[in-house]
All heavy atoms as atom14 arrays in JSON, in Angstrom:
{
  "sequence": "LSELQGAASAAGADVSEGRSLRAFGVISGDRASCTIHV",
  "atom14_mask": [
    [1, 1, 1, 1, 1, 1, 1, 1, 0, 0, 0, 0, 0, 0],
    [1, 1, 1, 1, 1, 1, 0, 0, 0, 0, 0, 0, 0, 0],
    [1, 1, 1, 1, 1, 1, 1, 1, 1, 0, 0, 0, 0, 0],
    [1, 1, 1, 1, 1, 1, 1, 1, 0, 0, 0, 0, 0, 0],
    [1, 1, 1, 1, 1, 1, 1, 1, 1, 0, 0, 0, 0, 0],
    [1, 1, 1, 1, 0, 0, 0, 0, 0, 0, 0, 0, 0, 0],
    [1, 1, 1, 1, 1, 0, 0, 0, 0, 0, 0, 0, 0, 0],
    [1, 1, 1, 1, 1, 0, 0, 0, 0, 0, 0, 0, 0, 0],
    [1, 1, 1, 1, 1, 1, 0, 0, 0, 0, 0, 0, 0, 0],
    [1, 1, 1, 1, 1, 0, 0, 0, 0, 0, 0, 0, 0, 0],
    [1, 1, 1, 1, 1, 0, 0, 0, 0, 0, 0, 0, 0, 0],
    [1, 1, 1, 1, 0, 0, 0, 0, 0, 0, 0, 0, 0, 0],
    [1, 1, 1, 1, 1, 0, 0, 0, 0, 0, 0, 0, 0, 0],
    [1, 1, 1, 1, 1, 1, 1, 1, 0, 0, 0, 0, 0, 0],
    [1, 1, 1, 1, 1, 1, 1, 0, 0, 0, 0, 0, 0, 0],
    [1, 1, 1, 1, 1, 1, 0, 0, 0, 0, 0, 0, 0, 0],
    [1, 1, 1, 1, 1, 1, 1, 1, 1, 0, 0, 0, 0, 0],
    [1, 1, 1, 1, 0, 0, 0, 0, 0, 0, 0, 0, 0, 0],
    [1, 1, 1, 1, 1, 1, 1, 1, 1, 1, 1, 0, 0, 0],
    [1, 1, 1, 1, 1, 1, 0, 0, 0, 0, 0, 0, 0, 0],
    [1, 1, 1, 1, 1, 1, 1, 1, 0, 0, 0, 0, 0, 0],
    [1, 1, 1, 1, 1, 1, 1, 1, 1, 1, 1, 0, 0, 0],
    [1, 1, 1, 1, 1, 0, 0, 0, 0, 0, 0, 0, 0, 0],
    [1, 1, 1, 1, 1, 1, 1, 1, 1, 1, 1, 0, 0, 0],
    [1, 1, 1, 1, 0, 0, 0, 0, 0, 0, 0, 0, 0, 0],
    [1, 1, 1, 1, 1, 1, 1, 0, 0, 0, 0, 0, 0, 0],
    [1, 1, 1, 1, 1, 1, 1, 1, 0, 0, 0, 0, 0, 0],
    [1, 1, 1, 1, 1, 1, 0, 0, 0, 0, 0, 0, 0, 0],
    [1, 1, 1, 1, 0, 0, 0, 0, 0, 0, 0, 0, 0, 0],
    [1, 1, 1, 1, 1, 1, 1, 1, 0, 0, 0, 0, 0, 0],
    [1, 1, 1, 1, 1, 1, 1, 1, 1, 1, 1, 0, 0, 0],
    [1, 1, 1, 1, 1, 0, 0, 0, 0, 0, 0, 0, 0, 0],
    [1, 1, 1, 1, 1, 1, 0, 0, 0, 0, 0, 0, 0, 0],
    [1, 1, 1, 1, 1, 1, 0, 0, 0, 0, 0, 0, 0, 0],
    [1, 1, 1, 1, 1, 1, 1, 0, 0, 0, 0, 0, 0, 0],
    [1, 1, 1, 1, 1, 1, 1, 1, 0, 0, 0, 0, 0, 0],
    [1, 1, 1, 1, 1, 1, 1, 1, 1, 1, 0, 0, 0, 0],
    [1, 1, 1, 1, 1, 1, 1, 0, 0, 0, 0, 0, 0, 0]
  ],
  "atom14_positions": [
    [[-17.52, -20.37, -76.35], [-18.38, -19.58, -75.62], [-18.48, -20.03, -74.15], [-18.52, -19.27, -73.13], [-19.79, -19.45, -76.21], [-20.72, -18.47, -75.5], [-20.11, -17.07, -75.48], [-22.12, -18.47, -76.39], [0.0, 0.0, 0.0], [0.0, 0.0, 0.0], [0.0, 0.0, 0.0], [0.0, 0.0, 0.0], [0.0, 0.0, 0.0], [0.0, 0.0, 0.0]],
    [[-18.62, -21.34, -73.93], [-18.83, -21.86, -72.57], [-17.51, -21.49, -71.81], [-17.63, -21.3, -70.49], [-19.23, -23.21, -72.49], [-18.19, -24.08, -73.07], [0.0, 0.0, 0.0], [0.0, 0.0, 0.0], [0.0, 0.0, 0.0], [0.0, 0.0, 0.0], [0.0, 0.0, 0.0], [0.0, 0.0, 0.0], [0.0, 0.0, 0.0], [0.0, 0.0, 0.0]],
    [[-16.36, -21.65, -72.37], [-15.11, -21.3, -71.61], [-15.08, -19.83, -71.23], [-14.7, -19.55, -70.14], [-13.95, -21.69, -72.58], [-12.64, -21.45, -71.93], [-11.42, -21.75, -72.83], [-11.38, -22.84, -73.43], [-10.59, -20.71, -73.05], [0.0, 0.0, 0.0], [0.0, 0.0, 0.0], [0.0, 0.0, 0.0], [0.0, 0.0, 0.0], [0.0, 0.0, 0.0]],
    [[-15.5, -18.99, -72.2], [-15.59, -17.56, -71.83], [-16.49, -17.23, -70.77], [-16.1, -16.55, -69.87], [-15.99, -16.78, -73.12], [-16.17, -15.35, -72.95], [-15.16, -14.48, -73.67], [-17.59, -14.92, -73.3], [0.0, 0.0, 0.0], [0.0, 0.0, 0.0], [0.0, 0.0, 0.0], [0.0, 0.0, 0.0], [0.0, 0.0, 0.0], [0.0, 0.0, 0.0]],
    [[-17.68, -17.92, -70.79], [-18.68, -17.62, -69.75], [-18.22, -18.17, -68.43], [-18.46, -17.55, -67.42], [-19.96, -18.17, -70.16], [-20.58, -17.41, -71.37], [-21.89, -17.97, -71.79], [-22.17, -19.18, -71.76], [-22.72, -17.18, -72.39], [0.0, 0.0, 0.0], [0.0, 0.0, 0.0], [0.0, 0.0, 0.0], [0.0, 0.0, 0.0], [0.0, 0.0, 0.0]],
    [[-17.37, -19.26, -68.48], [-16.88, -19.77, -67.16], [-15.89, -18.83, -66.58], [-15.8, -18.51, -65.37], [0.0, 0.0, 0.0], [0.0, 0.0, 0.0], [0.0, 0.0, 0.0], [0.0, 0.0, 0.0], [0.0, 0.0, 0.0], [0.0, 0.0, 0.0], [0.0, 0.0, 0.0], [0.0, 0.0, 0.0], [0.0, 0.0, 0.0], [0.0, 0.0, 0.0]],
    [[-15.01, -18.18, -67.44], [-14.08, -17.25, -66.98], [-14.78, -15.96, -66.51], [-14.3, -15.31, -65.52], [-13.19, -16.94, -68.15], [0.0, 0.0, 0.0], [0.0, 0.0, 0.0], [0.0, 0.0, 0.0], [0.0, 0.0, 0.0], [0.0, 0.0, 0.0], [0.0, 0.0, 0.0], [0.0, 0.0, 0.0], [0.0, 0.0, 0.0], [0.0, 0.0, 0.0]],
    [[-15.89, -15.55, -67.26], [-16.59, -14.42, -66.75], [-17.22, -14.69, -65.37], [-17.13, -13.79, -64.46], [-17.77, -14.12, -67.75], [0.0, 0.0, 0.0], [0.0, 0.0, 0.0], [0.0, 0.0, 0.0], [0.0, 0.0, 0.0], [0.0, 0.0, 0.0], [0.0, 0.0, 0.0], [0.0, 0.0, 0.0], [0.0, 0.0, 0.0], [0.0, 0.0, 0.0]],
    [[-17.76, -15.82, -65.15], [-18.38, -16.17, -63.84], [-17.21, -16.16, -62.73], [-17.42, -15.6, -61.68], [-18.98, -17.6, -63.92], [-19.48, -17.93, -62.68], [0.0, 0.0, 0.0], [0.0, 0.0, 0.0], [0.0, 0.0, 0.0], [0.0, 0.0, 0.0], [0.0, 0.0, 0.0], [0.0, 0.0, 0.0], [0.0, 0.0, 0.0], [0.0, 0.0, 0.0]],
    [[-16.1, -16.62, -63.0], [-14.99, -16.62, -62.11], [-14.55, -15.2, -61.82], [-14.12, -14.92, -60.57], [-13.94, -17.48, -62.65], [0.0, 0.0, 0.0], [0.0, 0.0, 0.0], [0.0, 0.0, 0.0], [0.0, 0.0, 0.0], [0.0, 0.0, 0.0], [0.0, 0.0, 0.0], [0.0, 0.0, 0.0], [0.0, 0.0, 0.0], [0.0, 0.0, 0.0]],
    [[-14.71, -14.34, -62.78], [-14.36, -12.91, -62.48], [-15.41, -12.09, -61.9], [-15.15, -10.91, -61.55], [-13.99, -12.32, -63.87], [0.0, 0.0, 0.0], [0.0, 0.0, 0.0], [0.0, 0.0, 0.0], [0.0, 0.0, 0.0], [0.0, 0.0, 0.0], [0.0, 0.0, 0.0], [0.0, 0.0, 0.0], [0.0, 0.0, 0.0], [0.0, 0.0, 0.0]],
    [[-16.52, -12.74, -61.67], [-17.66, -12.06, -60.93], [-18.73, -11.36, -61.78], [-19.57, -10.7, -61.43], [0.0, 0.0, 0.0], [0.0, 0.0, 0.0], [0.0, 0.0, 0.0], [0.0, 0.0, 0.0], [0.0, 0.0, 0.0], [0.0, 0.0, 0.0], [0.0, 0.0, 0.0], [0.0, 0.0, 0.0], [0.0, 0.0, 0.0], [0.0, 0.0, 0.0]],
    [[-18.66, -11.77, -63.09], [-19.68, -11.19, -64.12], [-21.0, -11.95, -63.96], [-20.99, -13.13, -63.58], [-19.16, -11.19, -65.45], [0.0, 0.0, 0.0], [0.0, 0.0, 0.0], [0.0, 0.0, 0.0], [0.0, 0.0, 0.0], [0.0, 0.0, 0.0], [0.0, 0.0, 0.0], [0.0, 0.0, 0.0], [0.0, 0.0, 0.0], [0.0, 0.0, 0.0]],
    [[-22.07, -11.21, -64.33], [-23.38, -11.93, -64.41], [-23.52, -12.79, -65.67], [-23.57, -12.31, -66.64], [-24.45, -10.84, -64.22], [-25.85, -11.39, -64.48], [-26.08, -12.57, -64.19], [-26.84, -10.54, -64.69], [0.0, 0.0, 0.0], [0.0, 0.0, 0.0], [0.0, 0.0, 0.0], [0.0, 0.0, 0.0], [0.0, 0.0, 0.0], [0.0, 0.0, 0.0]],
    [[-23.64, -14.12, -65.43], [-23.75, -15.04, -66.53], [-24.99, -15.81, -66.28], [-25.12, -16.96, -66.82], [-22.51, -15.87, -66.67], [-21.22, -15.19, -67.1], [-22.21, -16.7, -65.34], [0.0, 0.0, 0.0], [0.0, 0.0, 0.0], [0.0, 0.0, 0.0], [0.0, 0.0, 0.0], [0.0, 0.0, 0.0], [0.0, 0.0, 0.0], [0.0, 0.0, 0.0]],
    [[-26.08, -15.18, -65.81], [-27.33, -15.86, -65.62], [-28.0, -16.28, -66.85], [-27.69, -15.72, -67.9], [-28.25, -15.01, -64.68], [-28.53, -13.7, -65.37], [0.0, 0.0, 0.0], [0.0, 0.0, 0.0], [0.0, 0.0, 0.0], [0.0, 0.0, 0.0], [0.0, 0.0, 0.0], [0.0, 0.0, 0.0], [0.0, 0.0, 0.0], [0.0, 0.0, 0.0]],
    [[-28.77, -17.24, -66.74], [-29.44, -17.9, -67.89], [-30.31, -16.68, -68.67], [-30.9, -15.9, -68.05], [-30.36, -18.92, -67.64], [-30.84, -19.66, -68.72], [-31.6, -21.0, -68.39], [-31.18, -21.63, -67.42], [-32.5, -21.48, -69.1], [0.0, 0.0, 0.0], [0.0, 0.0, 0.0], [0.0, 0.0, 0.0], [0.0, 0.0, 0.0], [0.0, 0.0, 0.0]],
    [[-30.28, -16.77, -69.97], [-30.96, -15.72, -70.74], [-30.12, -14.5, -70.94], [-30.6, -13.63, -71.88], [0.0, 0.0, 0.0], [0.0, 0.0, 0.0], [0.0, 0.0, 0.0], [0.0, 0.0, 0.0], [0.0, 0.0, 0.0], [0.0, 0.0, 0.0], [0.0, 0.0, 0.0], [0.0, 0.0, 0.0], [0.0, 0.0, 0.0], [0.0, 0.0, 0.0]],
    [[-29.02, -14.3, -70.37], [-28.14, -13.2, -70.67], [-27.18, -13.62, -71.71], [-26.47, -14.62, -71.57], [-27.41, -12.8, -69.31], [-26.46, -11.58, -69.64], [-26.47, -10.74, -68.31], [-25.74, -9.46, -68.6], [-24.52, -9.25, -68.5], [-23.67, -10.22, -68.24], [-24.01, -8.01, -68.86], [0.0, 0.0, 0.0], [0.0, 0.0, 0.0], [0.0, 0.0, 0.0]],
    [[-27.03, -12.87, -72.67], [-26.12, -13.16, -73.78], [-24.78, -12.54, -73.62], [-24.51, -11.49, -74.16], [-26.72, -12.75, -75.15], [-25.89, -13.06, -76.24], [0.0, 0.0, 0.0], [0.0, 0.0, 0.0], [0.0, 0.0, 0.0], [0.0, 0.0, 0.0], [0.0, 0.0, 0.0], [0.0, 0.0, 0.0], [0.0, 0.0, 0.0], [0.0, 0.0, 0.0]],
    [[-23.97, -13.21, -72.86], [-22.56, -12.6, -72.62], [-21.63, -13.16, -73.65], [-21.45, -14.26, -73.84], [-22.09, -13.1, -71.31], [-20.76, -12.56, -70.93], [-20.78, -11.07, -70.36], [-20.03, -13.45, -69.81], [0.0, 0.0, 0.0], [0.0, 0.0, 0.0], [0.0, 0.0, 0.0], [0.0, 0.0, 0.0], [0.0, 0.0, 0.0], [0.0, 0.0, 0.0]],
    [[-21.08, -12.34, -74.52], [-20.3, -12.7, -75.73], [-18.87, -12.32, -75.56], [-18.09, -12.73, -76.22], [-20.85, -12.16, -77.0], [-22.25, -12.36, -77.3], [-22.62, -13.89, -77.37], [-21.94, -14.3, -78.66], [-22.11, -15.54, -79.22], [-22.83, -16.44, -78.51], [-21.51, -15.9, -80.28], [0.0, 0.0, 0.0], [0.0, 0.0, 0.0], [0.0, 0.0, 0.0]],
    [[-18.5, -11.5, -74.67], [-17.3, -10.87, -74.29], [-17.32, -10.14, -72.94], [-18.36, -9.78, -72.49], [-16.72, -10.07, -75.39], [0.0, 0.0, 0.0], [0.0, 0.0, 0.0], [0.0, 0.0, 0.0], [0.0, 0.0, 0.0], [0.0, 0.0, 0.0], [0.0, 0.0, 0.0], [0.0, 0.0, 0.0], [0.0, 0.0, 0.0], [0.0, 0.0, 0.0]],
    [[-16.15, -9.97, -72.36], [-16.15, -9.11, -71.17], [-14.84, -8.53, -70.96], [-13.78, -9.09, -71.48], [-16.7, -9.99, -69.9], [-15.71, -10.91, -69.31], [-14.79, -10.55, -68.35], [-15.65, -12.23, -69.82], [-13.98, -11.52, -67.75], [-14.68, -13.06, -69.36], [-13.97, -12.83, -68.35], [0.0, 0.0, 0.0], [0.0, 0.0, 0.0], [0.0, 0.0, 0.0]],
    [[-14.76, -7.49, -70.28], [-13.45, -6.78, -69.88], [-13.35, -6.61, -68.46], [-14.29, -6.45, -67.76], [0.0, 0.0, 0.0], [0.0, 0.0, 0.0], [0.0, 0.0, 0.0], [0.0, 0.0, 0.0], [0.0, 0.0, 0.0], [0.0, 0.0, 0.0], [0.0, 0.0, 0.0], [0.0, 0.0, 0.0], [0.0, 0.0, 0.0], [0.0, 0.0, 0.0]],
    [[-11.99, -6.43, -68.05], [-11.63, -6.28, -66.68], [-10.8, -5.02, -66.66], [-9.69, -5.01, -67.2], [-10.91, -7.43, -66.09], [-10.49, -7.07, -64.71], [-11.64, -8.76, -66.05], [0.0, 0.0, 0.0], [0.0, 0.0, 0.0], [0.0, 0.0, 0.0], [0.0, 0.0, 0.0], [0.0, 0.0, 0.0], [0.0, 0.0, 0.0], [0.0, 0.0, 0.0]],
    [[-11.23, -3.93, -66.06], [-10.68, -2.59, -66.05], [-9.83, -2.57, -64.79], [-10.26, -2.79, -63.74], [-11.54, -1.45, -66.23], [-12.39, -1.57, -67.48], [-10.82, -0.19, -66.12], [-13.55, -0.73, -67.58], [0.0, 0.0, 0.0], [0.0, 0.0, 0.0], [0.0, 0.0, 0.0], [0.0, 0.0, 0.0], [0.0, 0.0, 0.0], [0.0, 0.0, 0.0]],
    [[-8.49, -2.21, -64.95], [-7.63, -2.1, -63.71], [-8.12, -0.99, -62.87], [-8.8, -0.09, -63.29], [-6.16, -1.97, -64.13], [-6.0, -0.7, -64.72], [0.0, 0.0, 0.0], [0.0, 0.0, 0.0], [0.0, 0.0, 0.0], [0.0, 0.0, 0.0], [0.0, 0.0, 0.0], [0.0, 0.0, 0.0], [0.0, 0.0, 0.0], [0.0, 0.0, 0.0]],
    [[-7.72, -0.97, -61.5], [-8.12, -0.09, -60.54], [-7.67, 1.41, -61.04], [-8.42, 2.4, -60.83], [0.0, 0.0, 0.0], [0.0, 0.0, 0.0], [0.0, 0.0, 0.0], [0.0, 0.0, 0.0], [0.0, 0.0, 0.0], [0.0, 0.0, 0.0], [0.0, 0.0, 0.0], [0.0, 0.0, 0.0], [0.0, 0.0, 0.0], [0.0, 0.0, 0.0]],
    [[-6.5, 1.5, -61.63], [-5.99, 2.76, -62.01], [-6.46, 3.18, -63.44], [-6.24, 4.3, -63.96], [-4.37, 2.89, -61.96], [-3.85, 1.99, -62.98], [-4.49, 1.29, -63.7], [-2.55, 1.93, -62.93], [0.0, 0.0, 0.0], [0.0, 0.0, 0.0], [0.0, 0.0, 0.0], [0.0, 0.0, 0.0], [0.0, 0.0, 0.0], [0.0, 0.0, 0.0]],
    [[-7.13, 2.3, -64.14], [-7.72, 2.41, -65.36], [-6.68, 2.64, -66.55], [-7.13, 3.03, -67.53], [-8.72, 3.64, -65.42], [-10.05, 3.3, -64.47], [-11.03, 4.42, -64.61], [-12.05, 4.19, -63.68], [-12.67, 5.08, -63.02], [-12.3, 6.33, -63.15], [-13.65, 4.82, -62.22], [0.0, 0.0, 0.0], [0.0, 0.0, 0.0], [0.0, 0.0, 0.0]],
    [[-5.45, 2.48, -66.16], [-4.41, 2.58, -67.33], [-4.34, 1.2, -68.16], [-3.65, 1.22, -69.13], [-3.1, 2.89, -66.63], [0.0, 0.0, 0.0], [0.0, 0.0, 0.0], [0.0, 0.0, 0.0], [0.0, 0.0, 0.0], [0.0, 0.0, 0.0], [0.0, 0.0, 0.0], [0.0, 0.0, 0.0], [0.0, 0.0, 0.0], [0.0, 0.0, 0.0]],
    [[-4.94, 0.16, -67.65], [-4.87, -1.07, -68.37], [-6.21, -1.76, -68.41], [-6.98, -1.5, -67.38], [-3.74, -1.94, -67.89], [-3.99, -2.28, -66.61], [0.0, 0.0, 0.0], [0.0, 0.0, 0.0], [0.0, 0.0, 0.0], [0.0, 0.0, 0.0], [0.0, 0.0, 0.0], [0.0, 0.0, 0.0], [0.0, 0.0, 0.0], [0.0, 0.0, 0.0]],
    [[-6.37, -2.66, -69.26], [-7.77, -3.3, -69.39], [-7.48, -4.61, -70.1], [-6.52, -4.78, -70.96], [-8.57, -2.51, -70.24], [-10.27, -3.05, -70.56], [0.0, 0.0, 0.0], [0.0, 0.0, 0.0], [0.0, 0.0, 0.0], [0.0, 0.0, 0.0], [0.0, 0.0, 0.0], [0.0, 0.0, 0.0], [0.0, 0.0, 0.0], [0.0, 0.0, 0.0]],
    [[-8.17, -5.64, -69.65], [-8.08, -7.03, -70.21], [-9.43, -7.36, -70.77], [-10.41, -7.39, -70.14], [-7.65, -8.06, -69.15], [-6.38, -7.67, -68.59], [-7.43, -9.44, -69.77], [0.0, 0.0, 0.0], [0.0, 0.0, 0.0], [0.0, 0.0, 0.0], [0.0, 0.0, 0.0], [0.0, 0.0, 0.0], [0.0, 0.0, 0.0], [0.0, 0.0, 0.0]],
    [[-9.4, -7.73, -72.09], [-10.61, -8.15, -72.74], [-10.55, -9.62, -73.1], [-9.73, -10.17, -73.57], [-10.79, -7.29, -74.06], [-10.86, -5.83, -73.84], [-11.94, -7.81, -74.82], [-10.85, -4.91, -75.08], [0.0, 0.0, 0.0], [0.0, 0.0, 0.0], [0.0, 0.0, 0.0], [0.0, 0.0, 0.0], [0.0, 0.0, 0.0], [0.0, 0.0, 0.0]],
    [[-11.71, -10.2, -72.68], [-11.94, -11.71, -72.87], [-12.84, -11.79, -74.05], [-13.94, -11.3, -73.98], [-12.42, -12.37, -71.73], [-11.49, -12.4, -70.48], [-10.88, -13.52, -70.12], [-11.03, -11.39, -69.68], [-10.04, -13.26, -69.04], [-10.25, -12.01, -68.88], [0.0, 0.0, 0.0], [0.0, 0.0, 0.0], [0.0, 0.0, 0.0], [0.0, 0.0, 0.0]],
    [[-12.49, -12.49, -75.06], [-13.45, -12.97, -76.14], [-13.26, -14.31, -76.65], [-12.22, -14.95, -76.34], [-12.96, -11.96, -77.48], [-13.32, -10.54, -77.16], [-11.63, -12.16, -77.89], [0.0, 0.0, 0.0], [0.0, 0.0, 0.0], [0.0, 0.0, 0.0], [0.0, 0.0, 0.0], [0.0, 0.0, 0.0], [0.0, 0.0, 0.0], [0.0, 0.0, 0.0]]
  ]
}
């Protein structure tokens, strides 16, 4: 989970204390592709 949260922070996601981030996705600009981190 800490590795996932580090990747989320590097991607610009809110990983502030008290927030339960368990996965995150990065949607491409054209929305034809998406990367999910779990």
